[in-house]
Amino acid sequence: MLALILAGGSGTRLWPLSRKNNPKQHHAILGDRTLLQETYKRAREKFSDEAIFISANIQQREKNLQQLPDIQEEQLLLEPIKKIRLQP
C-alpha cells in the first residue's frame, strides 16, 4: 500500500499568509512544523518512508525537498501546470 500526500496549491485560500511561491502547506501554523511536515509525520506512523509520495506543483519542488529531507526526488510527483477548470 502507498500513501499520497496532496501538497499542490496556488496559495490563494489562506491569503494573505500564503502566496503563490509560499502556499499554506509550507507554513507552520499550529506549531514548529509546517502543515506538510505534520502530514508527512502522520503518514510515517502507518507507512514506510519509501511508500510515501508527494503530489505538488513543479515550482514547489525545492521547498518540498527542503522541508522533507527523508523524501527522495523519485517520490515527488510534480505537476507541470495548474489544473484548468472548463466551463460547461
C-alpha atoms as a PDB file:
ATOM      1  CA  MET A   1       0.000   0.000   0.000  1.00  0.00           C
ATOM      2  CA  LEU A   2       1.155   3.548  -0.777  1.00  0.00           C
ATOM      3  CA  ALA A   3       0.389   6.959   0.708  1.00  0.00           C
ATOM      4  CA  LEU A   4      -0.115  10.024  -1.457  1.00  0.00           C
ATOM      5  CA  ILE A   5       0.073  13.456   0.152  1.00  0.00           C
ATOM      6  CA  LEU A   6      -1.625  16.114  -1.957  1.00  0.00           C
ATOM      7  CA  ALA A   7       0.535  19.195  -1.492  1.00  0.00           C
ATOM      8  CA  GLY A   8      -0.177  21.266  -4.575  1.00  0.00           C
ATOM      9  CA  GLY A   9      -1.908  24.576  -4.434  1.00  0.00           C
ATOM     10  CA  SER A  10      -1.695  28.103  -5.635  1.00  0.00           C
ATOM     11  CA  GLY A  11      -1.507  29.940  -2.325  1.00  0.00           C
ATOM     12  CA  THR A  12      -4.863  31.699  -2.590  1.00  0.00           C
ATOM     13  CA  ARG A  13      -7.008  30.129   0.146  1.00  0.00           C
ATOM     14  CA  LEU A  14      -5.102  31.363   3.182  1.00  0.00           C
ATOM     15  CA  TRP A  15      -4.325  34.800   1.836  1.00  0.00           C
ATOM     16  CA  PRO A  16      -2.531  36.976   2.902  1.00  0.00           C
ATOM     17  CA  LEU A  17      -0.343  34.433   4.744  1.00  0.00           C
ATOM     18  CA  SER A  18       0.014  32.089   1.795  1.00  0.00           C
ATOM     19  CA  ARG A  19       1.156  33.210  -1.621  1.00  0.00           C
ATOM     20  CA  LYS A  20       1.901  31.592  -4.968  1.00  0.00           C
ATOM     21  CA  ASN A  21       5.534  30.909  -4.004  1.00  0.00           C
ATOM     22  CA  ASN A  22       4.741  30.050  -0.389  1.00  0.00           C
ATOM     23  CA  PRO A  23       1.364  28.257  -0.103  1.00  0.00           C
ATOM     24  CA  LYS A  24      -0.257  27.170   3.158  1.00  0.00           C
ATOM     25  CA  GLN A  25       1.333  23.705   3.275  1.00  0.00           C
ATOM     26  CA  HIS A  26       4.739  25.349   3.701  1.00  0.00           C
ATOM     27  CA  HIS A  27       3.697  27.340   6.786  1.00  0.00           C
ATOM     28  CA  ALA A  28       3.991  26.318  10.430  1.00  0.00           C
ATOM     29  CA  ILE A  29       0.519  27.306  11.567  1.00  0.00           C
ATOM     30  CA  LEU A  30      -0.089  25.029  14.546  1.00  0.00           C
ATOM     31  CA  GLY A  31       3.433  24.608  15.931  1.00  0.00           C
ATOM     32  CA  ASP A  32       7.054  24.319  14.848  1.00  0.00           C
ATOM     33  CA  ARG A  33       6.435  22.096  11.815  1.00  0.00           C
ATOM     34  CA  THR A  34       4.772  23.106   8.568  1.00  0.00           C
ATOM     35  CA  LEU A  35       1.452  21.570   7.540  1.00  0.00           C
ATOM     36  CA  LEU A  36       3.345  19.431   5.012  1.00  0.00           C
ATOM     37  CA  GLN A  37       5.799  18.213   7.653  1.00  0.00           C
ATOM     38  CA  GLU A  38       2.959  17.378  10.071  1.00  0.00           C
ATOM     39  CA  THR A  39       1.123  15.414   7.375  1.00  0.00           C
ATOM     40  CA  TYR A  40       4.297  13.529   6.459  1.00  0.00           C
ATOM     41  CA  LYS A  41       4.916  12.734  10.135  1.00  0.00           C
ATOM     42  CA  ARG A  42       1.406  11.250  10.457  1.00  0.00           C
ATOM     43  CA  ALA A  43       1.868   9.216   7.253  1.00  0.00           C
ATOM     44  CA  ARG A  44       5.108   7.741   8.641  1.00  0.00           C
ATOM     45  CA  GLU A  45       3.116   6.236  11.515  1.00  0.00           C
ATOM     46  CA  LYS A  46       1.394   3.889   9.041  1.00  0.00           C
ATOM     47  CA  PHE A  47       3.699   3.730   6.003  1.00  0.00           C
ATOM     48  CA  SER A  48       7.402   3.206   5.359  1.00  0.00           C
ATOM     49  CA  ASP A  49       9.378   6.186   4.044  1.00  0.00           C
ATOM     50  CA  GLU A  50       9.598   4.580   0.588  1.00  0.00           C
ATOM     51  CA  ALA A  51       5.804   4.182   0.406  1.00  0.00           C
ATOM     52  CA  ILE A  52       5.009   7.878   0.846  1.00  0.00           C
ATOM     53  CA  PHE A  53       4.652  10.088  -2.234  1.00  0.00           C
ATOM     54  CA  ILE A  54       4.036  13.826  -2.525  1.00  0.00           C
ATOM     55  CA  SER A  55       1.969  15.372  -5.315  1.00  0.00           C
ATOM     56  CA  ALA A  56       2.796  19.058  -5.821  1.00  0.00           C
ATOM     57  CA  ASN A  57       3.480  21.822  -8.329  1.00  0.00           C
ATOM     58  CA  ILE A  58       6.817  21.708 -10.071  1.00  0.00           C
ATOM     59  CA  GLN A  59       7.501  25.245  -8.771  1.00  0.00           C
ATOM     60  CA  GLN A  60       7.386  23.872  -5.183  1.00  0.00           C
ATOM     61  CA  ARG A  61       9.963  21.125  -5.797  1.00  0.00           C
ATOM     62  CA  GLU A  62      12.814  22.737  -3.871  1.00  0.00           C
ATOM     63  CA  LYS A  63      10.667  23.696  -0.879  1.00  0.00           C
ATOM     64  CA  ASN A  64       9.261  20.190  -0.627  1.00  0.00           C
ATOM     65  CA  LEU A  65      12.723  18.630  -0.727  1.00  0.00           C
ATOM     66  CA  GLN A  66      13.971  21.160   1.820  1.00  0.00           C
ATOM     67  CA  GLN A  67      11.087  20.576   4.234  1.00  0.00           C
ATOM     68  CA  LEU A  68      11.101  16.782   3.836  1.00  0.00           C
ATOM     69  CA  PRO A  69      14.758  15.702   3.797  1.00  0.00           C
ATOM     70  CA  ASP A  70      13.807  11.991   4.013  1.00  0.00           C
ATOM     71  CA  ILE A  71      11.927  12.123   0.685  1.00  0.00           C
ATOM     72  CA  GLN A  72      13.768  11.031  -2.432  1.00  0.00           C
ATOM     73  CA  GLU A  73      13.235  13.012  -5.609  1.00  0.00           C
ATOM     74  CA  GLU A  74      11.516   9.974  -7.173  1.00  0.00           C
ATOM     75  CA  GLN A  75       8.807  10.277  -4.507  1.00  0.00           C
ATOM     76  CA  LEU A  76       7.793  13.730  -5.730  1.00  0.00           C
ATOM     77  CA  LEU A  77       5.032  13.605  -8.321  1.00  0.00           C
ATOM     78  CA  LEU A  78       5.315  17.062  -9.843  1.00  0.00           C
ATOM     79  CA  GLU A  79       2.515  18.644 -11.839  1.00  0.00           C
ATOM     80  CA  PRO A  80       3.818  20.802 -14.707  1.00  0.00           C
ATOM     81  CA  ILE A  81       0.812  23.140 -14.899  1.00  0.00           C
ATOM     82  CA  LYS A  82      -2.204  24.162 -12.854  1.00  0.00           C
ATOM     83  CA  LYS A  83      -5.415  22.240 -13.433  1.00  0.00           C
ATOM     84  CA  ILE A  84      -7.761  24.259 -15.610  1.00  0.00           C
ATOM     85  CA  ARG A  85     -11.481  24.091 -14.887  1.00  0.00           C
ATOM     86  CA  LEU A  86     -13.538  24.176 -18.050  1.00  0.00           C
ATOM     87  CA  GLN A  87     -16.973  25.751 -18.001  1.00  0.00           C
ATOM     88  CA  PRO A  88     -19.789  23.571 -19.407  1.00  0.00           C
END
